[in-house]
Amino acid sequence: MIELSAAQVAAATGGRLHADPDVTVTGAVIIDSRQAAPGALFVALPGERVDGHDFAARAVAAGATLVLAARELDGLPTVVVDDPQEALGELARYVLATVREGGDGWPKVVGVTGSVGKTTTKDLLGQLLTPEVSGEDAIIVPTGSFNNEIGLPLTVLRVTEQTRYLIAEMGADRIGNIAYLTRIAPPNVGVVLAVGVAHVGHFGSVEAIAKTKAEMVSGVVDGGTVVLNADDLRVAAMAGQAAPGTTLQTFGTIPAADVRAEDITVDATGRAAFTLRIAPSGDGEQRADVALQLVGPHHVSNALAAATVALRLGVSLPDVAQRLTEATARSPHRMAVTERPDGVTVIDDAYNANPDSMKAALRTLAVMAGRTRRSVAVLGEMRELGEGARAAHDEIGRLVVRLNIKQLVVVGDGAYHIHEGAMQEGSWGSESIFVPDLAAARAMLDESLEPGDVVLVKSSLGSGLWELGDHLSMALTAKDNNK
């Protein structure tokens, strides 16, 4: 972060200063006292399980020079605010605005939202844009999914005077979330990937989800660019909400898309290749070949979104195509493929799940297994689906049967209706198995997986199947270990 005095932090957050006004923050802004280092600013967030205020003294002892807190802390240099989380956002907004003002509009912010694909698109963008800049902090791409009211400000607060690009993933589970995040980090380029049913239990309807994602369109800076998925009718309709002076760019597979994928093929490993085409312009139509290393044909859409942004920011088409071809998965538990020494292939996609991403992962499993290998789907609960949860899980179970997945393992009570749907669709005997918890799933899979199997692990993060994904990716089968 840029260097700030305690007085500046107080002014930016509307807080009351209980410290020497000249105390200076020269390090990172943190919310975990274990990350404290000299010059840090520790934000004491209250939580359901722990209260950050209880760890403020530890952070200061480790070198933090200032604490942002909801109350005075005896003997500790503190800025007291009504709501530390809101103050965190205000501080991030102030820092970005300050750097932009002194940097003639730099850094450029790319905001990415959508029901699926945000993290992968963000990671691809980082790999497309990083070669365009040089130096420490020149481009900021958060690891994982720092996309909420806490993660986004922490990402923004990494900005320095050397930063040229900030890739900001923006998630939402309620109307107004994206509007709030774009006020903190107004994007020069705002991307909307898709409207699905993720978090519909909070939103109440798909229409409310679409309304929230559309907040990205109105959140870009004056004269900015909005990038929309032309293949998603709800996203494409957001073009009508763009302010005058906004540049609209579309991506997709339909002929009308500005940046389009043509001649898409998928190989036996589940990796897609396509021709990247730019709509005719003054230079005529341009094309380049792309062969993705990412597993799953659904990544074509993410690649197109990233390509559209990079092209808009001045990266040449040949460079975009080459960098997409060379790009790798950067965040864990997202279609991460491990080829085990015993011949089992593990697809770990257990970071998150909703009906759209679950369907995409299952189709990829079917492609990778083909007709010669046994496909095994280990599925957990898709959370935050509201009243439609039973029907959504039932639908996934039926899709497993229709895709001819050979073995279904359903883990946990929350996912039971996947098993029920499979049984109703026509699965019988041991083709679909329900187990109550991770321990039971682990024991069963360690015993039953055979060389040549392709196994998918997929669930919402809170269901915990990522632990099973880690185990299966690292372990040989119990039978092999016991030989």
Foldseek 3Di string as FASTA:
>chain_A
DDKDFQLRLCVLLVFDWPADRRQIQDDAEDADLVPAAARYEHEFACDPVHTSVVCQVSSVVRHHQEYEECDDDPPHGYTHDPHSLVSLLSVLLVVLVVLCVVQVRPAAEEEEEEPDDQLVLLQLLCLLCVVVADDPQQEFGDADPLAFSRSQSSSSRSHDNNHRYYYHYHYDLEAPGVLSSLSSPAHLEYEYQEQDQALCLRQVDSVSSLNRSLSNQVSHDQLGEYEFEPVHVSRVVSVVVHDPNYHYAYEEDDPVHQWHWAPWDADLQQWIKTKIWGDQDPVGIDIDIATAPQHFPVCVSSLRRSLRVSVVVPDDPVSSRVSRNVRDDRHPQCQDWAQDPQQEIEGRNAAADDLVVLLRVLLSQLSNLDPPFAEEEEEEAHPNNNPCRLVSLLVQLLVCVVSVRQAYEYEAPRNVSSLVSVVVNPDDDRRYHYDHHDVVVLLVCLAPDHRRYYYYYYHHVVRPCSVVSVDVNPDHRPVVVVD
